Amino acid sequence: MPIQRFEENINGKPYLIEVLPVASDKWRAQIVRACGGPTALMPFYGNTPDEAARQLSRWLSLAHRQHTNPV
């Protein structure tokens, strides 16, 4: 099974998500650095490549969103 890549723009920052098969019905998504290697961020798993990438994208969106302070 081939590696799948997803380019995402999350909160104004570009990310490249790489999804690899780990079993016949399990996929692992991780962020790829500009130099091509994976980051130390924990991987996210899903039953399909889209599901694994979507879970990682959702986490990144929540983790890196801009908080506004009420005045």
PDB file of N, CA and C in Angstrom:
ATOM      1  N   MET A   1       0.843  -1.188   0.000  1.00  0.00           N
ATOM      2  CA  MET A   1       0.000   0.000   0.000  1.00  0.00           C
ATOM      3  C   MET A   1       0.884   1.247   0.000  1.00  0.00           C
ATOM      4  N   PRO A   2       0.540   2.209  -0.814  1.00  0.00           N
ATOM      5  CA  PRO A   2       1.390   3.400  -0.923  1.00  0.00           C
ATOM      6  C   PRO A   2       1.165   4.401   0.213  1.00  0.00           C
ATOM      7  N   ILE A   3       2.180   5.231   0.419  1.00  0.00           N
ATOM      8  CA  ILE A   3       2.072   6.349   1.354  1.00  0.00           C
ATOM      9  C   ILE A   3       1.173   7.399   0.721  1.00  0.00           C
ATOM     10  N   GLN A   4       0.318   8.015   1.520  1.00  0.00           N
ATOM     11  CA  GLN A   4      -0.525   9.101   1.029  1.00  0.00           C
ATOM     12  C   GLN A   4      -0.132  10.374   1.745  1.00  0.00           C
ATOM     13  N   ARG A   5      -0.165  11.482   1.021  1.00  0.00           N
ATOM     14  CA  ARG A   5       0.192  12.778   1.610  1.00  0.00           C
ATOM     15  C   ARG A   5      -0.965  13.746   1.444  1.00  0.00           C
ATOM     16  N   PHE A   6      -1.177  14.548   2.483  1.00  0.00           N
ATOM     17  CA  PHE A   6      -2.228  15.557   2.491  1.00  0.00           C
ATOM     18  C   PHE A   6      -1.586  16.895   2.836  1.00  0.00           C
ATOM     19  N   GLU A   7      -1.836  17.908   2.032  1.00  0.00           N
ATOM     20  CA  GLU A   7      -1.368  19.259   2.330  1.00  0.00           C
ATOM     21  C   GLU A   7      -2.519  20.011   2.977  1.00  0.00           C
ATOM     22  N   GLU A   8      -2.291  20.514   4.173  1.00  0.00           N
ATOM     23  CA  GLU A   8      -3.319  21.213   4.934  1.00  0.00           C
ATOM     24  C   GLU A   8      -2.833  22.599   5.324  1.00  0.00           C
ATOM     25  N   ASN A   9      -3.721  23.560   5.306  1.00  0.00           N
ATOM     26  CA  ASN A   9      -3.436  24.897   5.817  1.00  0.00           C
ATOM     27  C   ASN A   9      -4.283  25.041   7.072  1.00  0.00           C
ATOM     28  N   ILE A  10      -3.640  25.036   8.235  1.00  0.00           N
ATOM     29  CA  ILE A  10      -4.345  25.052   9.520  1.00  0.00           C
ATOM     30  C   ILE A  10      -3.948  26.303  10.270  1.00  0.00           C
ATOM     31  N   ASN A  11      -4.931  27.124  10.553  1.00  0.00           N
ATOM     32  CA  ASN A  11      -4.704  28.393  11.254  1.00  0.00           C
ATOM     33  C   ASN A  11      -3.604  29.218  10.588  1.00  0.00           C
ATOM     34  N   GLY A  12      -3.601  29.228   9.250  1.00  0.00           N
ATOM     35  CA  GLY A  12      -2.654  30.037   8.504  1.00  0.00           C
ATOM     36  C   GLY A  12      -1.272  29.439   8.332  1.00  0.00           C
ATOM     37  N   LYS A  13      -1.060  28.209   8.791  1.00  0.00           N
ATOM     38  CA  LYS A  13       0.248  27.563   8.666  1.00  0.00           C
ATOM     39  C   LYS A  13       0.120  26.331   7.779  1.00  0.00           C
ATOM     40  N   PRO A  14       1.057  26.146   6.845  1.00  0.00           N
ATOM     41  CA  PRO A  14       1.009  24.955   5.989  1.00  0.00           C
ATOM     42  C   PRO A  14       1.572  23.723   6.708  1.00  0.00           C
ATOM     43  N   TYR A  15       0.919  22.602   6.505  1.00  0.00           N
ATOM     44  CA  TYR A  15       1.373  21.328   7.068  1.00  0.00           C
ATOM     45  C   TYR A  15       1.327  20.268   5.980  1.00  0.00           C
ATOM     46  N   LEU A  16       2.276  19.355   6.016  1.00  0.00           N
ATOM     47  CA  LEU A  16       2.252  18.185   5.153  1.00  0.00           C
ATOM     48  C   LEU A  16       2.044  16.984   6.065  1.00  0.00           C
ATOM     49  N   ILE A  17       0.943  16.280   5.845  1.00  0.00           N
ATOM     50  CA  ILE A  17       0.604  15.109   6.647  1.00  0.00           C
ATOM     51  C   ILE A  17       0.851  13.870   5.792  1.00  0.00           C
ATOM     52  N   GLU A  18       1.598  12.944   6.339  1.00  0.00           N
ATOM     53  CA  GLU A  18       1.903  11.696   5.658  1.00  0.00           C
ATOM     54  C   GLU A  18       1.133  10.581   6.353  1.00  0.00           C
ATOM     55  N   VAL A  19       0.473   9.745   5.561  1.00  0.00           N
ATOM     56  CA  VAL A  19      -0.329   8.648   6.112  1.00  0.00           C
ATOM     57  C   VAL A  19       0.219   7.336   5.558  1.00  0.00           C
ATOM     58  N   LEU A  20       0.554   6.431   6.487  1.00  0.00           N
ATOM     59  CA  LEU A  20       1.154   5.149   6.136  1.00  0.00           C
ATOM     60  C   LEU A  20       0.290   3.998   6.640  1.00  0.00           C
ATOM     61  N   PRO A  21       0.201   2.913   5.893  1.00  0.00           N
ATOM     62  CA  PRO A  21      -0.530   1.746   6.391  1.00  0.00           C
ATOM     63  C   PRO A  21       0.281   1.030   7.473  1.00  0.00           C
ATOM     64  N   VAL A  22      -0.395   0.616   8.549  1.00  0.00           N
ATOM     65  CA  VAL A  22       0.272  -0.172   9.595  1.00  0.00           C
ATOM     66  C   VAL A  22      -0.372  -1.552   9.726  1.00  0.00           C
ATOM     67  N   ALA A  23      -1.537  -1.721   9.124  1.00  0.00           N
ATOM     68  CA  ALA A  23      -2.244  -3.003   9.062  1.00  0.00           C
ATOM     69  C   ALA A  23      -3.237  -2.890   7.909  1.00  0.00           C
ATOM     70  N   SER A  24      -3.936  -3.953   7.615  1.00  0.00           N
ATOM     71  CA  SER A  24      -4.860  -3.917   6.478  1.00  0.00           C
ATOM     72  C   SER A  24      -6.005  -2.926   6.684  1.00  0.00           C
ATOM     73  N   ASP A  25      -6.337  -2.638   7.940  1.00  0.00           N
ATOM     74  CA  ASP A  25      -7.439  -1.703   8.212  1.00  0.00           C
ATOM     75  C   ASP A  25      -7.036  -0.604   9.193  1.00  0.00           C
ATOM     76  N   LYS A  26      -5.754  -0.285   9.249  1.00  0.00           N
ATOM     77  CA  LYS A  26      -5.270   0.737  10.186  1.00  0.00           C
ATOM     78  C   LYS A  26      -4.207   1.579   9.496  1.00  0.00           C
ATOM     79  N   TRP A  27      -4.363   2.910   9.610  1.00  0.00           N
ATOM     80  CA  TRP A  27      -3.442   3.869   8.999  1.00  0.00           C
ATOM     81  C   TRP A  27      -2.919   4.813  10.057  1.00  0.00           C
ATOM     82  N   ARG A  28      -1.651   5.261   9.901  1.00  0.00           N
ATOM     83  CA  ARG A  28      -1.021   6.172  10.852  1.00  0.00           C
ATOM     84  C   ARG A  28      -0.697   7.489  10.139  1.00  0.00           C
ATOM     85  N   ALA A  29      -1.158   8.592  10.726  1.00  0.00           N
ATOM     86  CA  ALA A  29      -0.890   9.920  10.173  1.00  0.00           C
ATOM     87  C   ALA A  29       0.133  10.624  11.057  1.00  0.00           C
ATOM     88  N   GLN A  30       1.073  11.318  10.399  1.00  0.00           N
ATOM     89  CA  GLN A  30       2.076  12.094  11.121  1.00  0.00           C
ATOM     90  C   GLN A  30       2.452  13.298  10.273  1.00  0.00           C
ATOM     91  N   ILE A  31       2.967  14.324  10.927  1.00  0.00           N
ATOM     92  CA  ILE A  31       3.419  15.515  10.220  1.00  0.00           C
ATOM     93  C   ILE A  31       4.806  15.247   9.660  1.00  0.00           C
ATOM     94  N   VAL A  32       5.069  15.745   8.459  1.00  0.00           N
ATOM     95  CA  VAL A  32       6.385  15.625   7.849  1.00  0.00           C
ATOM     96  C   VAL A  32       7.044  16.996   7.874  1.00  0.00           C
ATOM     97  N   ARG A  33       8.267  17.049   8.316  1.00  0.00           N
ATOM     98  CA  ARG A  33       9.023  18.306   8.341  1.00  0.00           C
ATOM     99  C   ARG A  33       9.448  18.689   6.932  1.00  0.00           C
ATOM    100  N   ALA A  34       9.869  19.930   6.783  1.00  0.00           N
ATOM    101  CA  ALA A  34      10.324  20.426   5.483  1.00  0.00           C
ATOM    102  C   ALA A  34      11.473  19.579   4.927  1.00  0.00           C
ATOM    103  N   CYS A  35      12.329  19.055   5.812  1.00  0.00           N
ATOM    104  CA  CYS A  35      13.460  18.243   5.350  1.00  0.00           C
ATOM    105  C   CYS A  35      13.039  16.823   4.981  1.00  0.00           C
ATOM    106  N   GLY A  36      11.766  16.478   5.226  1.00  0.00           N
ATOM    107  CA  GLY A  36      11.262  15.182   4.795  1.00  0.00           C
ATOM    108  C   GLY A  36      11.100  14.138   5.876  1.00  0.00           C
ATOM    109  N   GLY A  37      11.646  14.357   7.060  1.00  0.00           N
ATOM    110  CA  GLY A  37      11.522  13.371   8.131  1.00  0.00           C
ATOM    111  C   GLY A  37      10.301  13.621   8.996  1.00  0.00           C
ATOM    112  N   PRO A  38       9.829  12.623   9.701  1.00  0.00           N
ATOM    113  CA  PRO A  38       8.681  12.817  10.584  1.00  0.00           C
ATOM    114  C   PRO A  38       9.062  13.658  11.798  1.00  0.00           C
ATOM    115  N   THR A  39       8.072  14.275  12.407  1.00  0.00           N
ATOM    116  CA  THR A  39       8.306  15.059  13.616  1.00  0.00           C
ATOM    117  C   THR A  39       8.152  14.167  14.836  1.00  0.00           C
ATOM    118  N   ALA A  40       8.404  14.714  16.012  1.00  0.00           N
ATOM    119  CA  ALA A  40       8.271  13.957  17.251  1.00  0.00           C
ATOM    120  C   ALA A  40       6.828  13.907  17.736  1.00  0.00           C
ATOM    121  N   LEU A  41       5.919  14.590  17.058  1.00  0.00           N
ATOM    122  CA  LEU A  41       4.515  14.584  17.439  1.00  0.00           C
ATOM    123  C   LEU A  41       3.958  13.170  17.370  1.00  0.00           C
ATOM    124  N   MET A  42       3.158  12.805  18.354  1.00  0.00           N
ATOM    125  CA  MET A  42       2.594  11.457  18.355  1.00  0.00           C
ATOM    126  C   MET A  42       1.732  11.245  17.115  1.00  0.00           C
ATOM    127  N   PRO A  43       1.737  10.052  16.559  1.00  0.00           N
ATOM    128  CA  PRO A  43       0.929   9.776  15.375  1.00  0.00           C
ATOM    129  C   PRO A  43      -0.544   9.614  15.739  1.00  0.00           C
ATOM    130  N   PHE A  44      -1.393   9.780  14.755  1.00  0.00           N
ATOM    131  CA  PHE A  44      -2.822   9.574  14.919  1.00  0.00           C
ATOM    132  C   PHE A  44      -3.235   8.428  14.010  1.00  0.00           C
ATOM    133  N   TYR A  45      -4.147   7.593  14.483  1.00  0.00           N
ATOM    134  CA  TYR A  45      -4.540   6.401  13.751  1.00  0.00           C
ATOM    135  C   TYR A  45      -5.994   6.466  13.313  1.00  0.00           C
ATOM    136  N   GLY A  46      -6.298   5.817  12.191  1.00  0.00           N
ATOM    137  CA  GLY A  46      -7.663   5.729  11.699  1.00  0.00           C
ATOM    138  C   GLY A  46      -7.825   4.490  10.839  1.00  0.00           C
ATOM    139  N   ASN A  47      -9.069   4.161  10.526  1.00  0.00           N
ATOM    140  CA  ASN A  47      -9.348   2.987   9.703  1.00  0.00           C
ATOM    141  C   ASN A  47      -9.109   3.239   8.220  1.00  0.00           C
ATOM    142  N   THR A  48      -9.033   4.514   7.824  1.00  0.00           N
ATOM    143  CA  THR A  48      -8.753   4.895   6.444  1.00  0.00           C
ATOM    144  C   THR A  48      -7.699   6.004   6.463  1.00  0.00           C
ATOM    145  N   PRO A  49      -7.023   6.241   5.340  1.00  0.00           N
ATOM    146  CA  PRO A  49      -6.061   7.347   5.294  1.00  0.00           C
ATOM    147  C   PRO A  49      -6.726   8.692   5.586  1.00  0.00           C
ATOM    148  N   ASP A  50      -7.904   8.920   5.033  1.00  0.00           N
ATOM    149  CA  ASP A  50      -8.618  10.181   5.265  1.00  0.00           C
ATOM    150  C   ASP A  50      -8.960  10.378   6.737  1.00  0.00           C
ATOM    151  N   GLU A  51      -9.407   9.327   7.390  1.00  0.00           N
ATOM    152  CA  GLU A  51      -9.770   9.431   8.807  1.00  0.00           C
ATOM    153  C   GLU A  51      -8.552   9.747   9.673  1.00  0.00           C
ATOM    154  N   ALA A  52      -7.434   9.090   9.415  1.00  0.00           N
ATOM    155  CA  ALA A  52      -6.221   9.347  10.196  1.00  0.00           C
ATOM    156  C   ALA A  52      -5.743  10.782   9.985  1.00  0.00           C
ATOM    157  N   ALA A  53      -5.720  11.253   8.737  1.00  0.00           N
ATOM    158  CA  ALA A  53      -5.298  12.623   8.447  1.00  0.00           C
ATOM    159  C   ALA A  53      -6.262  13.632   9.062  1.00  0.00           C
ATOM    160  N   ARG A  54      -7.565  13.352   9.008  1.00  0.00           N
ATOM    161  CA  ARG A  54      -8.571  14.252   9.577  1.00  0.00           C
ATOM    162  C   ARG A  54      -8.407  14.380  11.090  1.00  0.00           C
ATOM    163  N   GLN A  55      -8.109  13.290  11.773  1.00  0.00           N
ATOM    164  CA  GLN A  55      -7.903  13.346  13.225  1.00  0.00           C
ATOM    165  C   GLN A  55      -6.684  14.205  13.572  1.00  0.00           C
ATOM    166  N   LEU A  56      -5.598  14.044  12.820  1.00  0.00           N
ATOM    167  CA  LEU A  56      -4.404  14.849  13.062  1.00  0.00           C
ATOM    168  C   LEU A  56      -4.679  16.320  12.742  1.00  0.00           C
ATOM    169  N   SER A  57      -5.359  16.597  11.655  1.00  0.00           N
ATOM    170  CA  SER A  57      -5.702  17.977  11.287  1.00  0.00           C
ATOM    171  C   SER A  57      -6.560  18.638  12.350  1.00  0.00           C
ATOM    172  N   ARG A  58      -7.531  17.908  12.863  1.00  0.00           N
ATOM    173  CA  ARG A  58      -8.420  18.447  13.897  1.00  0.00           C
ATOM    174  C   ARG A  58      -7.625  18.770  15.165  1.00  0.00           C
ATOM    175  N   TRP A  59      -6.717  17.885  15.555  1.00  0.00           N
ATOM    176  CA  TRP A  59      -5.903  18.139  16.740  1.00  0.00           C
ATOM    177  C   TRP A  59      -5.019  19.364  16.537  1.00  0.00           C
ATOM    178  N   LEU A  60      -4.372  19.473  15.368  1.00  0.00           N
ATOM    179  CA  LEU A  60      -3.534  20.633  15.085  1.00  0.00           C
ATOM    180  C   LEU A  60      -4.342  21.924  15.121  1.00  0.00           C
ATOM    181  N   SER A  61      -5.532  21.875  14.574  1.00  0.00           N
ATOM    182  CA  SER A  61      -6.395  23.055  14.568  1.00  0.00           C
ATOM    183  C   SER A  61      -6.713  23.515  15.984  1.00  0.00           C
ATOM    184  N   LEU A  62      -7.021  22.573  16.856  1.00  0.00           N
ATOM    185  CA  LEU A  62      -7.330  22.913  18.246  1.00  0.00           C
ATOM    186  C   LEU A  62      -6.079  23.350  19.013  1.00  0.00           C
ATOM    187  N   ALA A  63      -4.977  22.676  18.788  1.00  0.00           N
ATOM    188  CA  ALA A  63      -3.753  22.958  19.537  1.00  0.00           C
ATOM    189  C   ALA A  63      -3.123  24.294  19.147  1.00  0.00           C
ATOM    190  N   HIS A  64      -3.308  24.723  17.914  1.00  0.00           N
ATOM    191  CA  HIS A  64      -2.634  25.921  17.423  1.00  0.00           C
ATOM    192  C   HIS A  64      -3.578  27.077  17.123  1.00  0.00           C
ATOM    193  N   ARG A  65      -4.801  26.988  17.585  1.00  0.00           N
ATOM    194  CA  ARG A  65      -5.714  28.100  17.284  1.00  0.00           C
ATOM    195  C   ARG A  65      -5.341  29.317  18.120  1.00  0.00           C
ATOM    196  N   GLN A  66      -5.653  30.458  17.579  1.00  0.00           N
ATOM    197  CA  GLN A  66      -5.353  31.727  18.233  1.00  0.00           C
ATOM    198  C   GLN A  66      -6.453  32.028  19.259  1.00  0.00           C
ATOM    199  N   HIS A  67      -6.036  32.273  20.469  1.00  0.00           N
ATOM    200  CA  HIS A  67      -6.978  32.640  21.509  1.00  0.00           C
ATOM    201  C   HIS A  67      -7.036  34.153  21.596  1.00  0.00           C
ATOM    202  N   THR A  68      -8.223  34.670  21.722  1.00  0.00           N
ATOM    203  CA  THR A  68      -8.358  36.114  21.896  1.00  0.00           C
ATOM    204  C   THR A  68      -8.721  36.396  23.346  1.00  0.00           C
ATOM    205  N   ASN A  69      -8.116  37.412  23.893  1.00  0.00           N
ATOM    206  CA  ASN A  69      -8.403  37.791  25.285  1.00  0.00           C
ATOM    207  C   ASN A  69      -9.575  38.766  25.311  1.00  0.00           C
ATOM    208  N   PRO A  70     -10.588  38.486  26.124  1.00  0.00           N
ATOM    209  CA  PRO A  70     -11.703  39.419  26.217  1.00  0.00           C
ATOM    210  C   PRO A  70     -11.231  40.748  26.831  1.00  0.00           C
ATOM    211  N   VAL A  71     -11.760  41.823  26.333  1.00  0.00           N
ATOM    212  CA  VAL A  71     -11.349  43.153  26.822  1.00  0.00           C
ATOM    213  C   VAL A  71     -12.252  43.611  27.938  1.00  0.00           C
TER     214      VAL A  71
END
